Amino acid sequence: MKDIQMVDLRSQYEKIRTEVNAGIQEVIDTTTFIKGGKVNDFQHELETYLRVKHVIPVGNGTDALQIALMALGLKPGDEVITPTFTFIATAEVVALLGLTPVVVDVDPDTFDILVETIKNAITPRTKAIVPVHLFGQNADMEAIMNLAQEHNLFVVEDACQSIGSVYTFSDGQQFKSGCMGDIGCTSFFPSKNLGCFGDGGALFTNNDLLAAKIRSIANHGMVVRYHHDIVGVNSRLDSIQAAVLQVKLKHLDEYNAARQASAAFYDTAFASTDKLIIPTRSTNSTHVFHQYTLKLQAVDRTALQKYLADRGIPAMIYYPVPLHLQKAYQNVRYKAGDFPVAERLCECVLSLPMHTELTEEQLAYITRTVLEFIK
């Protein structure tokens, strides 16, 4: 049996080596390293896949989130609501722009932002909601969009872990993750469902004016060369990364299906024990399993993680500390105990290996080893 990885990028690359190498060589041969060429091709192909008017590639997912908030014209002190159980980038960009991050609790089953907590956090200074589609499943976007419309708020979707998942509204309309709010953001970090060989990211929008502003901000605030009308940043996807992504995009649905099959294997294996709570599937969203995250019940997580590691099985904790208890973001308005669901999740979640190349032999070994420990 091959060594088990949290993410096996080597095995994935071996299957697409010829296509990827040819794409990278084309970039080298044409020497179009920045913009144009492969970047434009990938942008248009991703627009078609997502069924969205505008995709704007940028340097990474964090840049995408920052540029999105800059494009909305928010002012220092404006409040932005986001979940406390997520990766730090979501609050980081809010703080960097002088905005006020307002964190709220999450659903104990789906791990996504809880709409009721958003309602309770809205004040006259609230200007935007940033739902995070955590671990590969969309938040309750219909309720979030209705709430945003009621209070005249922007919605910026953090779809960095959910590209390719589909949300279904009550009227039957379906949208790809990141394409429902005013702006969607994603990351192409190598471990993502659609990942490149370095850093990369993108923004999505159906709003022509926002798209033009996003493009300008990402390019030093320029529209006409050397004429800078607004304050911008320098963030762009390079052509070699676009060449890799262009190949991988063709396989994205296949990759997500492989992840779903692995998740189903885990589900079946763990169905017989009440010590492991398997991931909940939302009724209105598909799940593309960027992570397969268990909730442990009366199980020593540290001991289990070590037991697995000693037997060649990696397992990770996403995330050990909620945003409101992170040292850099501590605020007098928040204290331990304020968000009990998120705080409990940080104590009990454990993510098992999840990627496109898991074999049945590896899955059987992982599940057998977990069950041996908890019996």
Protein backbone atom coordinates (compact mmCIF):
# COMPACT_ATOMS: atom_id res chain seq x y z
CA MET A 1 0.00 0.00 0.00
CA LYS A 2 1.25 3.49 -0.86
CA ASP A 3 1.98 5.91 1.98
CA ILE A 4 -1.15 7.80 3.01
CA GLN A 5 -1.13 11.58 2.59
CA MET A 6 -3.61 14.20 3.73
CA VAL A 7 -3.42 15.41 0.12
CA ASP A 8 -1.66 13.31 -2.51
CA LEU A 9 -0.70 15.86 -5.16
CA ARG A 10 2.05 13.66 -6.59
CA SER A 11 -0.32 10.85 -7.57
CA GLN A 12 -2.81 13.34 -9.00
CA TYR A 13 -0.05 14.94 -11.08
CA GLU A 14 1.12 11.60 -12.48
CA LYS A 15 -2.28 11.11 -14.15
CA ILE A 16 -2.24 14.50 -15.89
CA ARG A 17 1.53 14.88 -16.29
CA THR A 18 1.50 15.04 -20.11
CA GLU A 19 -1.22 17.71 -20.28
CA VAL A 20 0.25 19.82 -17.48
CA ASN A 21 3.80 19.67 -18.81
CA ALA A 22 2.62 20.63 -22.28
CA GLY A 23 0.72 23.61 -20.90
CA ILE A 24 3.67 24.82 -18.85
CA GLN A 25 6.02 24.36 -21.83
CA GLU A 26 3.68 26.44 -24.00
CA VAL A 27 3.92 29.29 -21.50
CA ILE A 28 7.70 29.05 -21.51
CA ASP A 29 7.86 28.90 -25.29
CA THR A 30 5.62 31.94 -25.73
CA THR A 31 7.22 33.77 -22.75
CA THR A 32 3.79 35.18 -21.87
CA PHE A 33 4.35 34.82 -18.15
CA ILE A 34 1.94 37.47 -16.87
CA LYS A 35 -1.64 37.96 -18.12
CA GLY A 36 -2.83 37.10 -21.61
CA GLY A 37 -2.58 33.64 -23.10
CA LYS A 38 -3.27 30.89 -20.58
CA VAL A 39 -4.71 33.28 -18.00
CA ASN A 40 -7.37 34.52 -20.40
CA ASP A 41 -8.13 30.99 -21.57
CA PHE A 42 -8.56 29.70 -18.03
CA GLN A 43 -10.66 32.71 -17.05
CA HIS A 44 -13.13 32.13 -19.88
CA GLU A 45 -13.31 28.38 -19.26
CA LEU A 46 -13.99 28.93 -15.55
CA GLU A 47 -16.71 31.47 -16.40
CA THR A 48 -18.37 28.82 -18.57
CA TYR A 49 -18.04 26.14 -15.90
CA LEU A 50 -19.47 28.36 -13.15
CA ARG A 51 -22.09 29.98 -15.40
CA VAL A 52 -21.00 33.40 -14.15
CA LYS A 53 -20.38 36.55 -16.22
CA HIS A 54 -17.03 37.53 -14.77
CA VAL A 55 -14.06 35.66 -13.33
CA ILE A 56 -11.13 37.83 -12.29
CA PRO A 57 -8.00 35.78 -11.49
CA VAL A 58 -5.73 37.13 -8.72
CA GLY A 59 -2.69 36.12 -6.69
CA ASN A 60 -4.37 34.08 -3.94
CA GLY A 61 -7.61 33.56 -2.05
CA THR A 62 -6.78 36.08 0.67
CA ASP A 63 -6.17 38.75 -1.95
CA ALA A 64 -9.52 37.85 -3.49
CA LEU A 65 -11.32 38.47 -0.20
CA GLN A 66 -9.50 41.77 0.37
CA ILE A 67 -10.13 43.04 -3.15
CA ALA A 68 -13.81 42.09 -2.87
CA LEU A 69 -14.25 44.25 0.23
CA MET A 70 -12.27 47.10 -1.35
CA ALA A 71 -14.53 46.98 -4.41
CA LEU A 72 -17.62 47.45 -2.25
CA GLY A 73 -16.39 50.85 -1.07
CA LEU A 74 -16.63 50.05 2.63
CA LYS A 75 -15.28 52.61 5.10
CA PRO A 76 -13.24 52.16 8.30
CA GLY A 77 -15.55 51.20 11.12
CA ASP A 78 -18.10 49.51 8.87
CA GLU A 79 -19.05 46.11 10.26
CA VAL A 80 -18.66 42.85 8.38
CA ILE A 81 -20.31 39.70 9.74
CA THR A 82 -18.49 36.38 9.34
CA PRO A 83 -18.39 33.04 11.20
CA THR A 84 -15.98 32.52 14.09
CA PHE A 85 -15.30 28.91 13.06
CA THR A 86 -13.17 29.27 9.94
CA PHE A 87 -9.66 29.99 8.65
CA ILE A 88 -8.21 33.31 9.77
CA ALA A 89 -8.09 34.96 6.30
CA THR A 90 -11.77 35.89 6.42
CA ALA A 91 -11.33 38.14 9.47
CA GLU A 92 -7.78 39.11 8.55
CA VAL A 93 -8.75 41.09 5.45
CA VAL A 94 -11.56 42.83 7.32
CA ALA A 95 -9.12 44.01 9.98
CA LEU A 96 -6.44 45.02 7.47
CA LEU A 97 -8.90 47.38 5.77
CA GLY A 98 -9.83 49.05 9.06
CA LEU A 99 -13.27 47.48 9.01
CA THR A 100 -14.80 45.83 12.06
CA PRO A 101 -15.07 42.05 12.00
CA VAL A 102 -18.24 40.88 13.74
CA VAL A 103 -18.08 37.14 14.32
CA VAL A 104 -21.05 34.85 14.90
CA ASP A 105 -21.65 31.22 15.75
CA VAL A 106 -22.19 28.35 13.34
CA ASP A 107 -24.54 25.45 12.78
CA PRO A 108 -23.41 22.48 14.89
CA ASP A 109 -24.25 20.04 12.10
CA THR A 110 -23.11 21.69 8.85
CA PHE A 111 -20.36 23.88 10.43
CA ASP A 112 -21.57 26.80 8.28
CA ILE A 113 -22.64 30.26 9.47
CA LEU A 114 -25.99 30.19 11.25
CA VAL A 115 -28.56 32.60 9.82
CA GLU A 116 -30.19 33.31 13.19
CA THR A 117 -26.85 34.50 14.57
CA ILE A 118 -26.43 36.85 11.60
CA LYS A 119 -29.83 38.40 12.33
CA ASN A 120 -28.86 39.04 15.94
CA ALA A 121 -25.55 40.66 14.94
CA ILE A 122 -26.89 43.22 12.45
CA THR A 123 -26.54 46.85 13.56
CA PRO A 124 -26.84 50.19 11.72
CA ARG A 125 -23.09 49.90 10.97
CA THR A 126 -23.36 46.49 9.34
CA LYS A 127 -22.52 46.65 5.64
CA ALA A 128 -21.67 43.13 4.53
CA ILE A 129 -21.97 39.42 5.30
CA VAL A 130 -19.14 37.02 4.43
CA PRO A 131 -20.51 33.46 4.63
CA VAL A 132 -17.83 30.77 4.46
CA HIS A 133 -18.79 27.57 2.64
CA LEU A 134 -16.74 25.49 5.01
CA PHE A 135 -15.20 22.12 4.13
CA GLY A 136 -16.98 22.00 0.75
CA GLN A 137 -20.66 22.65 1.44
CA ASN A 138 -22.62 25.85 0.85
CA ALA A 139 -24.09 27.85 3.68
CA ASP A 140 -27.85 28.53 3.61
CA MET A 141 -27.56 31.09 0.83
CA GLU A 142 -31.28 31.56 0.18
CA ALA A 143 -31.88 32.70 3.75
CA ILE A 144 -28.67 34.76 3.73
CA MET A 145 -29.57 36.53 0.47
CA ASN A 146 -33.08 37.26 1.73
CA LEU A 147 -31.66 38.71 4.94
CA ALA A 148 -29.12 40.79 3.01
CA GLN A 149 -31.83 42.18 0.75
CA GLU A 150 -34.00 43.05 3.73
CA HIS A 151 -31.19 45.02 5.38
CA ASN A 152 -29.50 46.32 2.21
CA LEU A 153 -26.25 44.43 2.86
CA PHE A 154 -23.58 43.13 0.51
CA VAL A 155 -22.80 39.40 0.40
CA VAL A 156 -19.26 38.21 -0.33
CA GLU A 157 -19.06 34.43 -0.55
CA ASP A 158 -15.90 32.75 0.71
CA ALA A 159 -15.92 29.75 -1.62
CA CYS A 160 -12.26 28.89 -1.11
CA GLN A 161 -13.17 25.34 -0.02
CA SER A 162 -16.29 24.71 -2.07
CA ILE A 163 -15.64 25.23 -5.78
CA GLY A 164 -17.84 22.97 -7.86
CA SER A 165 -20.53 22.48 -5.24
CA VAL A 166 -24.11 23.39 -6.18
CA TYR A 167 -26.78 25.18 -4.16
CA THR A 168 -30.49 24.74 -4.98
CA PHE A 169 -32.99 27.47 -4.12
CA SER A 170 -36.58 26.69 -3.15
CA ASP A 171 -37.79 27.64 -6.65
CA GLY A 172 -35.47 25.03 -8.18
CA GLN A 173 -32.80 27.42 -9.45
CA GLN A 174 -29.29 26.08 -9.05
CA PHE A 175 -26.06 28.03 -8.71
CA LYS A 176 -22.44 27.03 -8.36
CA SER A 177 -20.77 28.01 -5.12
CA GLY A 178 -19.48 31.58 -5.13
CA CYS A 179 -21.95 32.75 -7.79
CA MET A 180 -24.93 33.79 -5.65
CA GLY A 181 -23.77 36.82 -3.69
CA ASP A 182 -22.51 40.15 -4.95
CA ILE A 183 -19.00 38.70 -5.19
CA GLY A 184 -17.56 35.23 -4.72
CA CYS A 185 -13.97 34.42 -3.84
CA THR A 186 -11.90 31.29 -4.19
CA SER A 187 -8.37 30.03 -3.63
CA PHE A 188 -6.29 27.84 -5.91
CA PHE A 189 -3.85 26.83 -3.17
CA PRO A 190 -2.39 23.43 -4.18
CA SER A 191 -4.47 21.42 -1.69
CA LYS A 192 -7.81 22.89 -2.83
CA ASN A 193 -10.28 20.89 -4.92
CA LEU A 194 -9.08 22.99 -7.87
CA GLY A 195 -5.48 23.76 -6.99
CA CYS A 196 -2.46 25.02 -8.88
CA PHE A 197 1.26 24.45 -8.29
CA GLY A 198 1.72 27.59 -6.20
CA ASP A 199 -0.54 30.42 -5.11
CA GLY A 200 -3.60 31.60 -6.98
CA GLY A 201 -7.14 32.82 -6.51
CA ALA A 202 -10.10 34.42 -8.26
CA LEU A 203 -13.21 36.54 -7.77
CA PHE A 204 -16.59 35.88 -9.40
CA THR A 205 -19.43 38.31 -10.07
CA ASN A 206 -22.39 38.87 -12.37
CA ASN A 207 -22.23 42.63 -11.80
CA ASP A 208 -20.48 44.45 -14.67
CA LEU A 209 -19.62 47.54 -12.62
CA LEU A 210 -18.18 45.51 -9.75
CA ALA A 211 -16.18 43.40 -12.22
CA ALA A 212 -14.61 46.52 -13.75
CA LYS A 213 -13.74 47.90 -10.32
CA ILE A 214 -12.26 44.57 -9.18
CA ARG A 215 -10.07 44.38 -12.28
CA SER A 216 -8.85 47.91 -11.68
CA ILE A 217 -8.12 47.35 -7.98
CA ALA A 218 -6.19 44.15 -8.72
CA ASN A 219 -4.07 46.09 -11.23
CA HIS A 220 -2.80 48.98 -9.11
CA GLY A 221 -6.07 50.91 -9.55
CA MET A 222 -5.50 51.28 -13.30
CA VAL A 223 -7.93 51.22 -16.19
CA VAL A 224 -5.82 53.21 -18.65
CA ARG A 225 -2.12 52.29 -18.34
CA TYR A 226 -0.24 54.54 -15.90
CA HIS A 227 -3.43 56.38 -14.96
CA HIS A 228 -4.43 55.39 -11.41
CA ASP A 229 -7.98 56.46 -10.57
CA ILE A 230 -8.35 54.51 -7.31
CA VAL A 231 -6.05 52.96 -4.74
CA GLY A 232 -5.34 49.40 -5.76
CA VAL A 233 -3.04 46.47 -5.16
CA ASN A 234 -0.88 44.21 -7.32
CA SER A 235 -2.49 40.78 -7.46
CA ARG A 236 -2.50 38.50 -10.47
CA LEU A 237 -2.49 34.85 -11.43
CA ASP A 238 0.64 33.98 -13.40
CA SER A 239 0.44 32.09 -16.66
CA ILE A 240 2.14 28.91 -15.46
CA GLN A 241 -0.43 28.52 -12.69
CA ALA A 242 -3.22 29.22 -15.18
CA ALA A 243 -1.85 26.47 -17.44
CA VAL A 244 -2.04 23.99 -14.56
CA LEU A 245 -5.54 25.13 -13.59
CA GLN A 246 -6.76 24.92 -17.17
CA VAL A 247 -5.91 21.21 -17.19
CA LYS A 248 -7.31 20.53 -13.73
CA LEU A 249 -10.58 22.36 -14.43
CA LYS A 250 -11.38 19.70 -17.05
CA HIS A 251 -11.18 17.11 -14.27
CA LEU A 252 -12.84 19.07 -11.46
CA ASP A 253 -16.17 17.24 -11.50
CA GLU A 254 -14.31 13.93 -11.65
CA TYR A 255 -12.12 15.03 -8.71
CA ASN A 256 -15.14 16.06 -6.65
CA ALA A 257 -16.88 12.77 -7.43
CA ALA A 258 -13.80 10.89 -6.17
CA ARG A 259 -13.90 12.88 -2.94
CA GLN A 260 -17.60 12.14 -2.55
CA ALA A 261 -16.96 8.42 -3.07
CA SER A 262 -14.26 8.45 -0.38
CA ALA A 263 -16.61 10.30 1.97
CA ALA A 264 -19.29 7.66 1.37
CA PHE A 265 -16.78 4.92 2.24
CA TYR A 266 -15.95 6.69 5.50
CA ASP A 267 -19.66 7.15 6.25
CA THR A 268 -20.42 3.47 5.84
CA ALA A 269 -17.48 2.37 7.94
CA PHE A 270 -18.34 4.70 10.82
CA ALA A 271 -22.11 4.21 10.77
CA SER A 272 -22.00 1.57 13.50
CA THR A 273 -20.51 3.76 16.23
CA ASP A 274 -21.97 6.70 18.14
CA LYS A 275 -18.48 7.93 19.06
CA LEU A 276 -17.98 9.42 15.60
CA ILE A 277 -20.47 11.85 14.05
CA ILE A 278 -20.06 11.87 10.28
CA PRO A 279 -20.40 15.09 8.24
CA THR A 280 -23.96 16.29 7.79
CA ARG A 281 -25.16 16.88 4.23
CA SER A 282 -27.35 19.90 3.69
CA THR A 283 -30.63 19.30 1.88
CA ASN A 284 -30.07 22.22 -0.49
CA SER A 285 -26.35 21.92 -1.25
CA THR A 286 -24.05 19.31 -2.68
CA HIS A 287 -20.85 18.62 -0.72
CA VAL A 288 -17.48 18.43 -2.49
CA PHE A 289 -15.52 17.41 0.61
CA HIS A 290 -12.53 19.67 0.66
CA GLN A 291 -12.25 18.12 4.12
CA TYR A 292 -13.89 15.08 5.69
CA THR A 293 -14.40 16.25 9.25
CA LEU A 294 -15.67 14.09 12.08
CA LYS A 295 -17.03 15.19 15.42
CA LEU A 296 -15.66 12.99 18.20
CA GLN A 297 -17.90 11.97 21.09
CA ALA A 298 -16.14 10.87 24.29
CA VAL A 299 -12.93 10.17 22.36
CA ASP A 300 -9.48 11.48 23.34
CA ARG A 301 -8.66 13.46 20.19
CA THR A 302 -4.97 13.95 20.99
CA ALA A 303 -4.50 10.26 21.67
CA LEU A 304 -6.41 9.26 18.53
CA GLN A 305 -4.38 11.64 16.38
CA LYS A 306 -1.12 10.19 17.77
CA TYR A 307 -2.39 6.61 17.37
CA LEU A 308 -3.11 7.30 13.71
CA ALA A 309 0.19 9.11 13.12
CA ASP A 310 2.14 6.20 14.65
CA ARG A 311 0.48 3.97 12.04
CA GLY A 312 1.19 6.22 9.07
CA ILE A 313 -2.17 8.00 8.94
CA PRO A 314 -2.21 11.81 9.05
CA ALA A 315 -5.17 13.60 10.64
CA MET A 316 -5.62 17.33 11.08
CA ILE A 317 -7.60 19.69 13.30
CA TYR A 318 -9.45 22.34 11.29
CA TYR A 319 -9.64 24.52 13.38
CA PRO A 320 -8.24 24.40 16.94
CA VAL A 321 -9.05 28.01 17.94
CA PRO A 322 -12.12 30.08 16.89
CA LEU A 323 -11.54 33.59 15.53
CA HIS A 324 -12.85 35.38 18.63
CA LEU A 325 -10.24 33.65 20.82
CA GLN A 326 -7.28 34.21 18.51
CA LYS A 327 -4.77 36.52 20.20
CA ALA A 328 -4.57 38.89 17.23
CA TYR A 329 -8.35 39.35 17.12
CA GLN A 330 -9.35 39.42 20.77
CA ASN A 331 -11.91 42.12 21.40
CA VAL A 332 -13.55 43.36 24.57
CA ARG A 333 -16.93 42.53 23.06
CA TYR A 334 -16.10 38.77 22.97
CA LYS A 335 -15.02 36.26 25.60
CA ALA A 336 -14.77 32.51 26.00
CA GLY A 337 -18.26 31.02 26.13
CA ASP A 338 -19.87 33.56 23.80
CA PHE A 339 -20.00 31.15 20.86
CA PRO A 340 -20.48 27.72 22.40
CA VAL A 341 -21.00 25.78 19.19
CA ALA A 342 -17.78 26.97 17.57
CA GLU A 343 -15.83 26.53 20.79
CA ARG A 344 -17.10 22.97 21.15
CA LEU A 345 -16.28 22.17 17.54
CA CYS A 346 -12.72 23.38 18.03
CA GLU A 347 -12.42 20.83 20.83
CA CYS A 348 -13.90 17.82 19.03
CA VAL A 349 -13.35 17.98 15.24
CA LEU A 350 -10.83 15.83 13.43
CA SER A 351 -10.29 15.67 9.66
CA LEU A 352 -9.17 12.47 7.96
CA PRO A 353 -7.21 12.18 4.70
CA MET A 354 -9.31 13.46 1.79
CA HIS A 355 -8.13 13.82 -1.77
CA THR A 356 -8.74 12.53 -5.28
CA GLU A 357 -6.32 9.59 -5.18
CA LEU A 358 -7.42 7.64 -2.09
CA THR A 359 -7.64 3.92 -2.82
CA GLU A 360 -10.10 1.47 -1.31
CA GLU A 361 -7.15 -0.26 0.36
CA GLN A 362 -6.08 3.00 2.00
CA LEU A 363 -9.64 3.87 3.05
CA ALA A 364 -10.13 0.42 4.56
CA TYR A 365 -6.89 0.75 6.51
CA ILE A 366 -7.76 4.26 7.76
CA THR A 367 -11.25 3.33 8.91
CA ARG A 368 -10.13 0.05 10.47
CA THR A 369 -7.42 1.84 12.42
CA VAL A 370 -9.80 4.54 13.69
CA LEU A 371 -12.31 1.91 14.80
CA GLU A 372 -9.59 -0.12 16.53
CA PHE A 373 -8.78 2.89 18.70
CA ILE A 374 -12.32 3.83 19.71
CA LYS A 375 -13.74 0.35 20.34
